[in-house]
């Protein structure tokens, strides 16, 4: 199922490296599971995750090359400290030009988008890993676990622990 989903996502426009990396995560998590219902639940989650990413990548076709490059950079570096300067340098644009262009095309600023992507990655880690909140916070380069928890709740409406508990149902 993971292989077929990955191939379909690539045909749908998802970045090849991202697709294979995501597939590996799902396969590794599936190998740890011991019940059919939990495997089925993970397969459904995998399909929704890949589908959402394909939809996002097809929306990226409407973006300029510079903003697409920035979005890809952010997606590939959620587990590193990323600043507006880093993204601007990667795109070869000035901070101010990138800020205006990114906000106009994406509807949010660069820093807000970085935080959104870090929270999306945190949601995946909460659903599919056994990492503690402290480990997730550190992995995603939040300044502290409490800051991570506040940002998570502000963006999702629930605490990370509540999100994990609800996802396990």
C-alpha atoms as a PDB file:
ATOM      1  CA  UNK A   1       0.000   0.000   0.000  1.00  0.00           C
ATOM      2  CA  UNK A   2       2.825   2.397   0.862  1.00  0.00           C
ATOM      3  CA  UNK A   3       4.601   1.697  -2.430  1.00  0.00           C
ATOM      4  CA  UNK A   4       1.470   2.187  -4.528  1.00  0.00           C
ATOM      5  CA  UNK A   5       0.558   5.357  -2.644  1.00  0.00           C
ATOM      6  CA  UNK A   6       4.079   6.723  -3.065  1.00  0.00           C
ATOM      7  CA  UNK A   7       4.099   6.043  -6.803  1.00  0.00           C
ATOM      8  CA  UNK A   8       0.686   7.669  -7.233  1.00  0.00           C
ATOM      9  CA  UNK A   9       1.806  10.709  -5.241  1.00  0.00           C
ATOM     10  CA  UNK A  10       4.890  11.124  -7.407  1.00  0.00           C
ATOM     11  CA  UNK A  11       2.752  10.894 -10.555  1.00  0.00           C
ATOM     12  CA  UNK A  12       0.476  13.489  -8.946  1.00  0.00           C
ATOM     13  CA  UNK A  13       3.350  15.944  -8.636  1.00  0.00           C
ATOM     14  CA  UNK A  14       4.828  15.290  -5.201  1.00  0.00           C
ATOM     15  CA  UNK A  15       8.582  15.726  -4.874  1.00  0.00           C
ATOM     16  CA  UNK A  16      10.265  12.326  -5.305  1.00  0.00           C
ATOM     17  CA  UNK A  17      12.606  12.637  -2.320  1.00  0.00           C
ATOM     18  CA  UNK A  18       9.796  13.834  -0.063  1.00  0.00           C
ATOM     19  CA  UNK A  19       7.542  10.993  -1.231  1.00  0.00           C
ATOM     20  CA  UNK A  20      10.123   8.282  -0.563  1.00  0.00           C
ATOM     21  CA  UNK A  21      11.107   9.761   2.801  1.00  0.00           C
ATOM     22  CA  UNK A  22       7.462   9.892   3.858  1.00  0.00           C
ATOM     23  CA  UNK A  23       6.916   6.358   2.620  1.00  0.00           C
ATOM     24  CA  UNK A  24       9.851   5.159   4.733  1.00  0.00           C
ATOM     25  CA  UNK A  25       8.343   6.764   7.831  1.00  0.00           C
ATOM     26  CA  UNK A  26       5.020   5.016   7.270  1.00  0.00           C
ATOM     27  CA  UNK A  27       6.627   1.654   6.546  1.00  0.00           C
ATOM     28  CA  UNK A  28       8.762   1.867   9.682  1.00  0.00           C
ATOM     29  CA  UNK A  29       5.726   2.744  11.786  1.00  0.00           C
ATOM     30  CA  UNK A  30       3.676  -0.027  10.209  1.00  0.00           C
ATOM     31  CA  UNK A  31       6.356  -2.600  10.985  1.00  0.00           C
ATOM     32  CA  UNK A  32       6.019  -1.790  14.689  1.00  0.00           C
ATOM     33  CA  UNK A  33       2.261  -2.359  14.748  1.00  0.00           C
ATOM     34  CA  UNK A  34       0.736  -5.575  15.999  1.00  0.00           C
ATOM     35  CA  UNK A  35      -2.978  -5.257  15.279  1.00  0.00           C
ATOM     36  CA  UNK A  36      -4.874  -5.117  12.014  1.00  0.00           C
ATOM     37  CA  UNK A  37      -7.069  -2.159  13.083  1.00  0.00           C
ATOM     38  CA  UNK A  38      -4.009  -0.059  13.957  1.00  0.00           C
ATOM     39  CA  UNK A  39      -2.403  -0.898  10.594  1.00  0.00           C
ATOM     40  CA  UNK A  40      -5.625  -0.006   8.779  1.00  0.00           C
ATOM     41  CA  UNK A  41      -5.832   3.280  10.670  1.00  0.00           C
ATOM     42  CA  UNK A  42      -2.243   4.102   9.735  1.00  0.00           C
ATOM     43  CA  UNK A  43      -2.966   3.265   6.076  1.00  0.00           C
ATOM     44  CA  UNK A  44      -5.905   5.698   6.075  1.00  0.00           C
ATOM     45  CA  UNK A  45      -3.740   8.355   7.702  1.00  0.00           C
ATOM     46  CA  UNK A  46      -1.039   7.697   5.101  1.00  0.00           C
ATOM     47  CA  UNK A  47      -3.521   8.136   2.247  1.00  0.00           C
ATOM     48  CA  UNK A  48      -4.822  11.413   3.697  1.00  0.00           C
ATOM     49  CA  UNK A  49      -1.287  12.653   4.322  1.00  0.00           C
ATOM     50  CA  UNK A  50      -0.088  11.855   0.783  1.00  0.00           C
ATOM     51  CA  UNK A  51      -3.296  13.242  -0.729  1.00  0.00           C
ATOM     52  CA  UNK A  52      -2.905  16.497   1.169  1.00  0.00           C
ATOM     53  CA  UNK A  53       0.702  16.834   0.103  1.00  0.00           C
ATOM     54  CA  UNK A  54      -0.138  16.153  -3.550  1.00  0.00           C
ATOM     55  CA  UNK A  55      -2.882  18.781  -3.386  1.00  0.00           C
ATOM     56  CA  UNK A  56      -0.426  21.254  -1.861  1.00  0.00           C
ATOM     57  CA  UNK A  57       2.196  20.505  -4.511  1.00  0.00           C
ATOM     58  CA  UNK A  58      -0.325  20.964  -7.323  1.00  0.00           C
ATOM     59  CA  UNK A  59      -1.239  24.312  -5.780  1.00  0.00           C
ATOM     60  CA  UNK A  60       2.452  25.125  -5.889  1.00  0.00           C
ATOM     61  CA  UNK A  61       2.290  25.069  -9.687  1.00  0.00           C
ATOM     62  CA  UNK A  62       0.602  28.479  -9.485  1.00  0.00           C
ATOM     63  CA  UNK A  63       3.519  29.889  -7.500  1.00  0.00           C
ATOM     64  CA  UNK A  64       6.531  31.667  -8.896  1.00  0.00           C
ATOM     65  CA  UNK A  65       9.734  29.669  -9.105  1.00  0.00           C
ATOM     66  CA  UNK A  66      11.269  31.676  -6.247  1.00  0.00           C
ATOM     67  CA  UNK A  67       8.362  31.041  -3.860  1.00  0.00           C
ATOM     68  CA  UNK A  68       8.210  27.364  -4.861  1.00  0.00           C
ATOM     69  CA  UNK A  69      11.901  27.141  -4.060  1.00  0.00           C
ATOM     70  CA  UNK A  70      11.280  28.743  -0.650  1.00  0.00           C
ATOM     71  CA  UNK A  71       8.375  26.422   0.138  1.00  0.00           C
ATOM     72  CA  UNK A  72      10.487  23.388  -0.750  1.00  0.00           C
ATOM     73  CA  UNK A  73      13.348  24.657   1.391  1.00  0.00           C
ATOM     74  CA  UNK A  74      11.043  25.163   4.359  1.00  0.00           C
ATOM     75  CA  UNK A  75       9.450  21.724   3.947  1.00  0.00           C
ATOM     76  CA  UNK A  76      12.856  20.058   3.807  1.00  0.00           C
ATOM     77  CA  UNK A  77      14.257  21.890   6.844  1.00  0.00           C
ATOM     78  CA  UNK A  78      11.460  21.803   9.453  1.00  0.00           C
ATOM     79  CA  UNK A  79      13.815  20.067  11.860  1.00  0.00           C
ATOM     80  CA  UNK A  80      16.363  22.881  11.664  1.00  0.00           C
ATOM     81  CA  UNK A  81      16.260  26.453  12.913  1.00  0.00           C
ATOM     82  CA  UNK A  82      15.098  28.419   9.849  1.00  0.00           C
ATOM     83  CA  UNK A  83      15.071  32.199   9.596  1.00  0.00           C
ATOM     84  CA  UNK A  84      13.803  34.608   6.983  1.00  0.00           C
ATOM     85  CA  UNK A  85      17.463  35.276   6.123  1.00  0.00           C
ATOM     86  CA  UNK A  86      18.055  31.556   5.466  1.00  0.00           C
ATOM     87  CA  UNK A  87      15.054  31.347   3.144  1.00  0.00           C
ATOM     88  CA  UNK A  88      15.943  34.585   1.344  1.00  0.00           C
ATOM     89  CA  UNK A  89      19.538  33.437   0.871  1.00  0.00           C
ATOM     90  CA  UNK A  90      18.325  30.088  -0.531  1.00  0.00           C
ATOM     91  CA  UNK A  91      16.033  31.865  -2.995  1.00  0.00           C
ATOM     92  CA  UNK A  92      18.618  34.480  -3.919  1.00  0.00           C
ATOM     93  CA  UNK A  93      16.305  37.333  -2.933  1.00  0.00           C
ATOM     94  CA  UNK A  94      16.509  40.177  -0.457  1.00  0.00           C
ATOM     95  CA  UNK A  95      14.563  39.768   2.771  1.00  0.00           C
ATOM     96  CA  UNK A  96      12.136  42.560   1.934  1.00  0.00           C
ATOM     97  CA  UNK A  97      11.497  41.374  -1.637  1.00  0.00           C
ATOM     98  CA  UNK A  98      10.972  37.794  -0.472  1.00  0.00           C
ATOM     99  CA  UNK A  99       8.658  38.908   2.335  1.00  0.00           C
ATOM    100  CA  UNK A 100       6.416  40.850  -0.061  1.00  0.00           C
ATOM    101  CA  UNK A 101       6.465  38.184  -2.791  1.00  0.00           C
ATOM    102  CA  UNK A 102       5.893  35.266  -0.404  1.00  0.00           C
ATOM    103  CA  UNK A 103       3.010  36.964   1.433  1.00  0.00           C
ATOM    104  CA  UNK A 104       1.367  37.977  -1.852  1.00  0.00           C
ATOM    105  CA  UNK A 105       1.517  34.456  -3.295  1.00  0.00           C
ATOM    106  CA  UNK A 106       1.029  32.359  -0.163  1.00  0.00           C
ATOM    107  CA  UNK A 107      -1.307  34.595   1.837  1.00  0.00           C
ATOM    108  CA  UNK A 108       0.924  34.366   4.932  1.00  0.00           C
ATOM    109  CA  UNK A 109       4.359  35.629   5.855  1.00  0.00           C
ATOM    110  CA  UNK A 110       7.497  33.510   5.720  1.00  0.00           C
ATOM    111  CA  UNK A 111       7.814  33.145   9.498  1.00  0.00           C
ATOM    112  CA  UNK A 112       4.150  32.219   9.884  1.00  0.00           C
ATOM    113  CA  UNK A 113       4.546  29.613   7.132  1.00  0.00           C
ATOM    114  CA  UNK A 114       7.641  28.171   8.810  1.00  0.00           C
ATOM    115  CA  UNK A 115       5.707  27.832  12.076  1.00  0.00           C
ATOM    116  CA  UNK A 116       2.737  26.260  10.280  1.00  0.00           C
ATOM    117  CA  UNK A 117       4.983  23.648   8.691  1.00  0.00           C
ATOM    118  CA  UNK A 118       6.713  22.889  11.980  1.00  0.00           C
ATOM    119  CA  UNK A 119       3.325  22.350  13.623  1.00  0.00           C
ATOM    120  CA  UNK A 120       2.222  20.110  10.724  1.00  0.00           C
ATOM    121  CA  UNK A 121       5.369  18.035  11.227  1.00  0.00           C
ATOM    122  CA  UNK A 122       4.689  17.956  14.977  1.00  0.00           C
ATOM    123  CA  UNK A 123       1.197  16.613  14.246  1.00  0.00           C
ATOM    124  CA  UNK A 124       2.673  13.808  12.144  1.00  0.00           C
ATOM    125  CA  UNK A 125       5.207  12.980  14.849  1.00  0.00           C
ATOM    126  CA  UNK A 126       2.511  12.949  17.511  1.00  0.00           C
ATOM    127  CA  UNK A 127       0.375  10.588  15.414  1.00  0.00           C
ATOM    128  CA  UNK A 128       3.040   8.242  14.147  1.00  0.00           C
ATOM    129  CA  UNK A 129       5.918   8.231  16.595  1.00  0.00           C
ATOM    130  CA  UNK A 130       6.483   7.638  20.266  1.00  0.00           C
ATOM    131  CA  UNK A 131       8.665  10.699  20.653  1.00  0.00           C
ATOM    132  CA  UNK A 132       8.020  12.691  23.828  1.00  0.00           C
ATOM    133  CA  UNK A 133       6.889  16.307  23.657  1.00  0.00           C
ATOM    134  CA  UNK A 134      10.361  17.332  24.749  1.00  0.00           C
ATOM    135  CA  UNK A 135      11.936  15.299  21.932  1.00  0.00           C
ATOM    136  CA  UNK A 136       9.525  16.713  19.348  1.00  0.00           C
ATOM    137  CA  UNK A 137      10.106  20.248  20.597  1.00  0.00           C
ATOM    138  CA  UNK A 138      13.858  19.800  20.398  1.00  0.00           C
ATOM    139  CA  UNK A 139      13.732  17.999  17.023  1.00  0.00           C
ATOM    140  CA  UNK A 140      11.715  20.851  15.491  1.00  0.00           C
ATOM    141  CA  UNK A 141      14.019  23.469  17.059  1.00  0.00           C
ATOM    142  CA  UNK A 142      11.499  25.236  19.259  1.00  0.00           C
ATOM    143  CA  UNK A 143      13.181  27.309  21.958  1.00  0.00           C
ATOM    144  CA  UNK A 144      11.473  25.320  24.717  1.00  0.00           C
ATOM    145  CA  UNK A 145       8.859  22.657  25.241  1.00  0.00           C
ATOM    146  CA  UNK A 146       6.452  25.163  26.788  1.00  0.00           C
ATOM    147  CA  UNK A 147       6.810  27.482  23.770  1.00  0.00           C
ATOM    148  CA  UNK A 148       6.170  24.513  21.459  1.00  0.00           C
ATOM    149  CA  UNK A 149       3.048  23.583  23.439  1.00  0.00           C
ATOM    150  CA  UNK A 150       1.719  27.174  23.347  1.00  0.00           C
ATOM    151  CA  UNK A 151       2.321  27.482  19.571  1.00  0.00           C
ATOM    152  CA  UNK A 152       0.743  24.066  18.968  1.00  0.00           C
ATOM    153  CA  UNK A 153      -2.378  24.927  20.964  1.00  0.00           C
ATOM    154  CA  UNK A 154      -2.681  28.345  19.346  1.00  0.00           C
ATOM    155  CA  UNK A 155      -2.534  26.833  15.848  1.00  0.00           C
ATOM    156  CA  UNK A 156      -4.597  23.675  16.410  1.00  0.00           C
ATOM    157  CA  UNK A 157      -6.894  24.576  19.294  1.00  0.00           C
ATOM    158  CA  UNK A 158      -5.753  21.580  21.369  1.00  0.00           C
ATOM    159  CA  UNK A 159      -2.677  20.672  23.358  1.00  0.00           C
ATOM    160  CA  UNK A 160      -0.152  18.267  21.842  1.00  0.00           C
ATOM    161  CA  UNK A 161      -1.115  15.600  24.412  1.00  0.00           C
ATOM    162  CA  UNK A 162      -4.834  15.971  23.556  1.00  0.00           C
ATOM    163  CA  UNK A 163      -4.002  15.791  19.852  1.00  0.00           C
ATOM    164  CA  UNK A 164      -2.007  12.582  20.345  1.00  0.00           C
ATOM    165  CA  UNK A 165      -4.770  11.048  22.455  1.00  0.00           C
ATOM    166  CA  UNK A 166      -7.459  11.957  19.899  1.00  0.00           C
ATOM    167  CA  UNK A 167      -5.324  10.607  17.031  1.00  0.00           C
ATOM    168  CA  UNK A 168      -4.894   7.287  18.847  1.00  0.00           C
ATOM    169  CA  UNK A 169      -8.664   6.700  18.988  1.00  0.00           C
END
